[in-house]
Amino acid sequence: MNKKYIDKLAFIFIKDKKILVTLSIGKNVWYIPGGKRENKESDIEALTREVKEELSVDLKPETISHYGTFGAQAHGKPIGVKVRMTCYTSDFEGTFKASNEIGKIDFFDSTTKELLSPVDYIIFADLKKKNLID
């Protein structure tokens, strides 16, 4: 059986009961920061690299903690192609600055009217249920 899913990692950062999200240049969908692993990267290596590329901050590896793993239809892909998002929290050094392909950084609560990917809606609902975001 051919597994049809996209394996992604996400960085969950909450401030003032809102979650950090990014908008890629030329896109209209906001995403929780993160991305796909390259070659044989571990979750920690890939997440650290992606966060550095997108947000210009350095995760502190000793503080990285698994939050949860979520799945949904992959945004913009044919029906049946799923995404598996493994989410982590972490402390970091530096100040958030949009870089690489990121056009905007913002913080959203569960009432956002902005367009999110299907898996991000599920993650937002989980964070709201746990009273981590408003």
N, C-alpha and C. Protein backbone atom coordinates (compact mmCIF):
# COMPACT_ATOMS: atom_id res chain seq x y z
N MET A 1 0.84 -1.19 0.00
CA MET A 1 0.00 0.00 0.00
C MET A 1 0.88 1.24 0.00
N ASN A 2 0.60 2.15 -0.89
CA ASN A 2 1.39 3.37 -1.02
C ASN A 2 0.87 4.42 -0.03
N LYS A 3 1.73 4.86 0.86
CA LYS A 3 1.33 5.92 1.80
C LYS A 3 1.30 7.23 1.05
N LYS A 4 0.13 7.86 1.04
CA LYS A 4 0.01 9.16 0.38
C LYS A 4 -0.10 10.23 1.45
N TYR A 5 1.02 10.58 2.05
CA TYR A 5 0.98 11.69 2.97
C TYR A 5 2.29 12.47 2.90
N ILE A 6 2.18 13.71 3.25
CA ILE A 6 3.32 14.62 3.28
C ILE A 6 3.72 14.75 4.75
N ASP A 7 4.97 14.49 5.04
CA ASP A 7 5.50 14.51 6.40
C ASP A 7 6.08 15.89 6.68
N LYS A 8 5.47 16.61 7.64
CA LYS A 8 5.93 17.96 7.96
C LYS A 8 6.12 18.12 9.46
N LEU A 9 6.90 19.13 9.80
CA LEU A 9 7.17 19.48 11.20
C LEU A 9 6.70 20.91 11.42
N ALA A 10 6.24 21.20 12.64
CA ALA A 10 5.76 22.55 12.94
C ALA A 10 6.25 23.00 14.30
N PHE A 11 6.48 24.32 14.39
CA PHE A 11 6.93 24.98 15.61
C PHE A 11 5.74 25.71 16.23
N ILE A 12 5.33 25.25 17.39
CA ILE A 12 4.21 25.86 18.11
C ILE A 12 4.79 26.87 19.10
N PHE A 13 4.49 28.14 18.87
CA PHE A 13 4.92 29.18 19.80
C PHE A 13 3.71 30.04 20.14
N ILE A 14 3.41 30.11 21.43
CA ILE A 14 2.24 30.85 21.90
C ILE A 14 2.67 32.02 22.76
N LYS A 15 2.07 33.17 22.47
CA LYS A 15 2.34 34.40 23.23
C LYS A 15 1.01 35.10 23.45
N ASP A 16 0.71 35.47 24.67
CA ASP A 16 -0.54 36.16 25.00
C ASP A 16 -1.76 35.41 24.47
N LYS A 17 -1.71 34.07 24.60
CA LYS A 17 -2.81 33.18 24.19
C LYS A 17 -3.12 33.25 22.70
N LYS A 18 -2.08 33.57 21.91
CA LYS A 18 -2.18 33.53 20.45
C LYS A 18 -1.00 32.72 19.92
N ILE A 19 -1.19 32.08 18.76
CA ILE A 19 -0.15 31.25 18.17
C ILE A 19 0.53 31.97 17.00
N LEU A 20 1.83 31.78 16.93
CA LEU A 20 2.64 32.34 15.84
C LEU A 20 2.29 31.66 14.52
N VAL A 21 2.07 32.48 13.48
CA VAL A 21 1.78 31.98 12.13
C VAL A 21 2.58 32.79 11.12
N THR A 22 2.75 32.20 9.94
CA THR A 22 3.50 32.88 8.88
C THR A 22 2.71 32.85 7.57
N LEU A 23 2.98 33.84 6.74
CA LEU A 23 2.40 33.92 5.40
C LEU A 23 3.55 33.98 4.41
N SER A 24 3.62 32.96 3.56
CA SER A 24 4.69 32.93 2.55
C SER A 24 4.42 33.98 1.48
N ILE A 25 5.50 34.50 0.90
CA ILE A 25 5.40 35.49 -0.17
C ILE A 25 4.59 34.89 -1.33
N GLY A 26 3.60 35.65 -1.81
CA GLY A 26 2.80 35.22 -2.94
C GLY A 26 1.68 34.23 -2.61
N LYS A 27 1.48 33.93 -1.32
CA LYS A 27 0.44 32.97 -0.91
C LYS A 27 -0.67 33.70 -0.17
N ASN A 28 -1.83 33.04 -0.06
CA ASN A 28 -2.94 33.63 0.68
C ASN A 28 -3.36 32.77 1.87
N VAL A 29 -2.57 31.74 2.17
CA VAL A 29 -2.86 30.84 3.28
C VAL A 29 -1.77 30.98 4.34
N TRP A 30 -2.20 31.17 5.58
CA TRP A 30 -1.27 31.26 6.71
C TRP A 30 -0.96 29.86 7.22
N TYR A 31 0.28 29.67 7.67
CA TYR A 31 0.72 28.37 8.19
C TYR A 31 1.43 28.55 9.52
N ILE A 32 1.31 27.53 10.36
CA ILE A 32 2.18 27.44 11.53
C ILE A 32 3.58 27.19 10.98
N PRO A 33 4.61 27.91 11.45
CA PRO A 33 5.94 27.77 10.86
C PRO A 33 6.50 26.34 10.96
N GLY A 34 7.32 26.00 9.99
CA GLY A 34 7.95 24.68 9.94
C GLY A 34 8.15 24.26 8.51
N GLY A 35 8.21 22.97 8.28
CA GLY A 35 8.39 22.49 6.91
C GLY A 35 8.78 21.03 6.87
N LYS A 36 9.30 20.65 5.71
CA LYS A 36 9.65 19.25 5.47
C LYS A 36 11.12 19.01 5.79
N ARG A 37 11.40 17.78 6.16
CA ARG A 37 12.81 17.42 6.41
C ARG A 37 13.54 17.24 5.08
N GLU A 38 14.83 17.44 5.10
CA GLU A 38 15.68 17.23 3.93
C GLU A 38 16.59 16.03 4.20
N ASN A 39 16.78 15.23 3.17
CA ASN A 39 17.63 14.04 3.27
C ASN A 39 17.23 13.20 4.48
N LYS A 40 18.15 12.90 5.35
CA LYS A 40 17.84 12.04 6.49
C LYS A 40 17.84 12.81 7.80
N GLU A 41 17.41 14.07 7.74
CA GLU A 41 17.35 14.88 8.96
C GLU A 41 16.40 14.26 9.99
N SER A 42 16.77 14.42 11.25
CA SER A 42 15.85 14.06 12.33
C SER A 42 14.80 15.16 12.45
N ASP A 43 13.76 14.90 13.24
CA ASP A 43 12.75 15.93 13.48
C ASP A 43 13.41 17.20 14.01
N ILE A 44 14.28 17.05 15.00
CA ILE A 44 14.92 18.20 15.65
C ILE A 44 15.78 18.97 14.66
N GLU A 45 16.56 18.27 13.86
CA GLU A 45 17.43 18.93 12.87
C GLU A 45 16.60 19.70 11.84
N ALA A 46 15.56 19.06 11.34
CA ALA A 46 14.72 19.71 10.31
C ALA A 46 13.97 20.90 10.89
N LEU A 47 13.39 20.73 12.08
CA LEU A 47 12.65 21.83 12.69
C LEU A 47 13.56 23.01 12.97
N THR A 48 14.73 22.75 13.53
CA THR A 48 15.69 23.80 13.84
C THR A 48 16.10 24.56 12.57
N ARG A 49 16.37 23.82 11.49
CA ARG A 49 16.76 24.45 10.22
C ARG A 49 15.61 25.28 9.66
N GLU A 50 14.41 24.71 9.61
CA GLU A 50 13.26 25.43 9.04
C GLU A 50 12.95 26.70 9.82
N VAL A 51 12.98 26.64 11.14
CA VAL A 51 12.68 27.82 11.96
C VAL A 51 13.74 28.89 11.75
N LYS A 52 15.00 28.49 11.65
CA LYS A 52 16.08 29.45 11.38
C LYS A 52 15.86 30.11 10.01
N GLU A 53 15.53 29.29 8.99
CA GLU A 53 15.32 29.82 7.63
C GLU A 53 14.13 30.77 7.56
N GLU A 54 13.04 30.44 8.25
CA GLU A 54 11.81 31.22 8.13
C GLU A 54 11.73 32.40 9.09
N LEU A 55 12.24 32.22 10.32
CA LEU A 55 12.01 33.20 11.38
C LEU A 55 13.27 33.86 11.92
N SER A 56 14.44 33.40 11.47
CA SER A 56 15.74 33.98 11.87
C SER A 56 16.04 33.83 13.36
N VAL A 57 15.50 32.79 14.00
CA VAL A 57 15.83 32.52 15.40
C VAL A 57 16.41 31.11 15.52
N ASP A 58 17.12 30.89 16.61
CA ASP A 58 17.75 29.59 16.88
C ASP A 58 17.00 28.88 17.99
N LEU A 59 16.43 27.71 17.66
CA LEU A 59 15.79 26.91 18.71
C LEU A 59 16.86 26.39 19.65
N LYS A 60 16.51 26.25 20.92
CA LYS A 60 17.41 25.65 21.91
C LYS A 60 17.08 24.16 21.97
N PRO A 61 17.95 23.32 21.37
CA PRO A 61 17.63 21.89 21.23
C PRO A 61 17.22 21.20 22.53
N GLU A 62 17.83 21.59 23.64
CA GLU A 62 17.52 20.93 24.91
C GLU A 62 16.12 21.25 25.42
N THR A 63 15.45 22.25 24.81
CA THR A 63 14.10 22.63 25.26
C THR A 63 13.01 22.16 24.30
N ILE A 64 13.40 21.54 23.19
CA ILE A 64 12.40 21.11 22.21
C ILE A 64 11.58 19.96 22.79
N SER A 65 10.25 20.13 22.72
CA SER A 65 9.35 19.15 23.31
C SER A 65 8.20 18.84 22.35
N HIS A 66 7.88 17.55 22.19
CA HIS A 66 6.80 17.14 21.30
C HIS A 66 5.47 17.63 21.86
N TYR A 67 4.68 18.30 21.02
CA TYR A 67 3.36 18.76 21.43
C TYR A 67 2.28 17.77 20.99
N GLY A 68 2.37 17.33 19.73
CA GLY A 68 1.36 16.41 19.21
C GLY A 68 1.55 16.21 17.72
N THR A 69 0.88 15.20 17.18
CA THR A 69 0.94 14.91 15.75
C THR A 69 -0.49 14.91 15.22
N PHE A 70 -0.69 15.61 14.10
CA PHE A 70 -2.02 15.83 13.56
C PHE A 70 -2.03 15.50 12.07
N GLY A 71 -3.17 15.10 11.56
CA GLY A 71 -3.28 14.78 10.14
C GLY A 71 -4.53 15.38 9.53
N ALA A 72 -4.46 15.68 8.24
CA ALA A 72 -5.61 16.23 7.51
C ALA A 72 -5.30 16.18 6.02
N GLN A 73 -6.31 16.53 5.23
CA GLN A 73 -6.12 16.71 3.80
C GLN A 73 -5.03 17.77 3.60
N ALA A 74 -4.09 17.51 2.69
CA ALA A 74 -3.02 18.47 2.41
C ALA A 74 -3.57 19.63 1.58
N HIS A 75 -3.31 20.84 2.03
CA HIS A 75 -3.79 22.04 1.34
C HIS A 75 -3.21 22.11 -0.07
N GLY A 76 -4.09 22.32 -1.05
CA GLY A 76 -3.66 22.52 -2.43
C GLY A 76 -3.22 21.25 -3.14
N LYS A 77 -3.45 20.09 -2.53
CA LYS A 77 -3.07 18.81 -3.14
C LYS A 77 -4.33 18.04 -3.52
N PRO A 78 -4.20 17.04 -4.42
CA PRO A 78 -5.37 16.25 -4.81
C PRO A 78 -6.04 15.59 -3.59
N ILE A 79 -7.35 15.42 -3.67
CA ILE A 79 -8.10 14.77 -2.59
C ILE A 79 -7.46 13.40 -2.30
N GLY A 80 -7.29 13.13 -1.03
CA GLY A 80 -6.67 11.86 -0.63
C GLY A 80 -5.22 12.00 -0.24
N VAL A 81 -4.58 13.09 -0.66
CA VAL A 81 -3.20 13.33 -0.23
C VAL A 81 -3.27 14.03 1.13
N LYS A 82 -2.73 13.36 2.13
CA LYS A 82 -2.81 13.87 3.50
C LYS A 82 -1.47 14.47 3.93
N VAL A 83 -1.56 15.30 4.94
CA VAL A 83 -0.36 15.82 5.57
C VAL A 83 -0.34 15.31 7.00
N ARG A 84 0.84 14.91 7.47
CA ARG A 84 1.04 14.55 8.87
C ARG A 84 1.96 15.61 9.45
N MET A 85 1.44 16.36 10.43
CA MET A 85 2.18 17.47 11.02
C MET A 85 2.58 17.09 12.44
N THR A 86 3.89 16.94 12.65
CA THR A 86 4.42 16.65 13.98
C THR A 86 4.85 17.99 14.58
N CYS A 87 4.22 18.35 15.69
CA CYS A 87 4.38 19.67 16.29
C CYS A 87 5.25 19.63 17.54
N TYR A 88 6.07 20.66 17.65
CA TYR A 88 6.97 20.80 18.80
C TYR A 88 6.91 22.22 19.34
N THR A 89 7.18 22.34 20.64
CA THR A 89 7.39 23.64 21.27
C THR A 89 8.88 23.73 21.59
N SER A 90 9.35 24.95 21.79
CA SER A 90 10.77 25.13 22.11
C SER A 90 11.03 26.56 22.55
N ASP A 91 12.04 26.72 23.39
CA ASP A 91 12.59 28.04 23.65
C ASP A 91 13.52 28.37 22.49
N PHE A 92 13.87 29.64 22.35
CA PHE A 92 14.73 30.04 21.24
C PHE A 92 15.53 31.27 21.63
N GLU A 93 16.55 31.55 20.82
CA GLU A 93 17.36 32.76 20.97
C GLU A 93 17.16 33.60 19.72
N GLY A 94 17.07 34.92 19.91
CA GLY A 94 16.92 35.82 18.79
C GLY A 94 15.54 36.47 18.79
N THR A 95 15.31 37.26 17.74
CA THR A 95 14.05 37.98 17.56
C THR A 95 13.44 37.56 16.24
N PHE A 96 12.15 37.26 16.24
CA PHE A 96 11.48 36.85 15.00
C PHE A 96 11.63 37.91 13.93
N LYS A 97 12.04 37.46 12.75
CA LYS A 97 12.16 38.32 11.58
C LYS A 97 11.85 37.46 10.38
N ALA A 98 10.89 37.87 9.57
CA ALA A 98 10.52 37.11 8.37
C ALA A 98 11.72 37.03 7.43
N SER A 99 12.04 35.84 6.98
CA SER A 99 13.15 35.69 6.04
C SER A 99 12.85 34.55 5.08
N ASN A 100 13.75 34.36 4.13
CA ASN A 100 13.59 33.32 3.12
C ASN A 100 12.30 33.58 2.36
N GLU A 101 11.35 32.63 2.39
CA GLU A 101 10.12 32.79 1.61
C GLU A 101 8.98 33.43 2.40
N ILE A 102 9.22 33.82 3.63
CA ILE A 102 8.16 34.34 4.50
C ILE A 102 7.97 35.84 4.27
N GLY A 103 6.71 36.22 4.02
CA GLY A 103 6.38 37.63 3.80
C GLY A 103 5.91 38.33 5.05
N LYS A 104 5.15 37.60 5.90
CA LYS A 104 4.59 38.20 7.11
C LYS A 104 4.61 37.19 8.26
N ILE A 105 4.73 37.73 9.47
CA ILE A 105 4.61 36.96 10.70
C ILE A 105 3.51 37.62 11.52
N ASP A 106 2.67 36.81 12.16
CA ASP A 106 1.61 37.36 13.00
C ASP A 106 1.27 36.36 14.09
N PHE A 107 0.37 36.75 14.99
CA PHE A 107 -0.14 35.88 16.04
C PHE A 107 -1.65 35.85 15.92
N PHE A 108 -2.25 34.64 15.86
CA PHE A 108 -3.69 34.49 15.72
C PHE A 108 -4.25 33.73 16.92
N ASP A 109 -5.51 34.04 17.24
CA ASP A 109 -6.22 33.20 18.21
C ASP A 109 -7.19 32.31 17.42
N SER A 110 -8.03 31.58 18.13
CA SER A 110 -8.91 30.61 17.46
C SER A 110 -10.03 31.26 16.66
N THR A 111 -10.21 32.57 16.80
CA THR A 111 -11.29 33.25 16.08
C THR A 111 -10.83 33.86 14.76
N THR A 112 -9.61 33.58 14.34
CA THR A 112 -9.09 34.19 13.11
C THR A 112 -10.01 33.94 11.93
N LYS A 113 -10.12 34.93 11.09
CA LYS A 113 -10.89 34.79 9.85
C LYS A 113 -9.95 34.60 8.66
N GLU A 114 -8.65 34.63 8.94
CA GLU A 114 -7.67 34.42 7.86
C GLU A 114 -7.70 32.96 7.43
N LEU A 115 -7.32 32.70 6.20
CA LEU A 115 -7.31 31.36 5.66
C LEU A 115 -6.12 30.57 6.22
N LEU A 116 -6.41 29.39 6.76
CA LEU A 116 -5.39 28.48 7.28
C LEU A 116 -5.45 27.18 6.49
N SER A 117 -4.39 26.37 6.58
CA SER A 117 -4.45 25.04 5.98
C SER A 117 -5.35 24.15 6.83
N PRO A 118 -5.93 23.09 6.24
CA PRO A 118 -6.82 22.22 7.02
C PRO A 118 -6.18 21.65 8.29
N VAL A 119 -4.93 21.24 8.22
CA VAL A 119 -4.30 20.68 9.43
C VAL A 119 -4.10 21.76 10.49
N ASP A 120 -3.86 23.00 10.07
CA ASP A 120 -3.70 24.07 11.05
C ASP A 120 -5.01 24.36 11.79
N TYR A 121 -6.15 24.24 11.10
CA TYR A 121 -7.44 24.40 11.79
C TYR A 121 -7.58 23.37 12.91
N ILE A 122 -7.14 22.15 12.65
CA ILE A 122 -7.21 21.07 13.65
C ILE A 122 -6.28 21.39 14.83
N ILE A 123 -5.09 21.88 14.53
CA ILE A 123 -4.14 22.24 15.60
C ILE A 123 -4.69 23.41 16.42
N PHE A 124 -5.23 24.42 15.75
CA PHE A 124 -5.84 25.56 16.46
C PHE A 124 -6.94 25.06 17.41
N ALA A 125 -7.79 24.14 16.93
CA ALA A 125 -8.89 23.61 17.75
C ALA A 125 -8.34 22.88 18.97
N ASP A 126 -7.26 22.13 18.79
CA ASP A 126 -6.64 21.41 19.91
C ASP A 126 -6.07 22.40 20.94
N LEU A 127 -5.40 23.43 20.46
CA LEU A 127 -4.84 24.45 21.36
C LEU A 127 -5.95 25.17 22.12
N LYS A 128 -7.06 25.46 21.44
CA LYS A 128 -8.20 26.13 22.08
C LYS A 128 -8.82 25.22 23.14
N LYS A 129 -8.99 23.94 22.79
CA LYS A 129 -9.59 22.98 23.72
C LYS A 129 -8.76 22.87 25.01
N LYS A 130 -7.45 22.98 24.86
CA LYS A 130 -6.54 22.90 26.02
C LYS A 130 -6.35 24.26 26.69
N ASN A 131 -7.11 25.26 26.21
CA ASN A 131 -7.07 26.63 26.77
C ASN A 131 -5.68 27.27 26.65
N LEU A 132 -4.95 26.90 25.59
CA LEU A 132 -3.62 27.49 25.36
C LEU A 132 -3.71 28.75 24.50
N ILE A 133 -4.78 28.82 23.68
CA ILE A 133 -5.05 30.04 22.90
C ILE A 133 -6.50 30.43 23.15
N ASP A 134 -6.78 31.73 22.93
CA ASP A 134 -8.15 32.23 23.07
C ASP A 134 -8.97 31.87 21.85
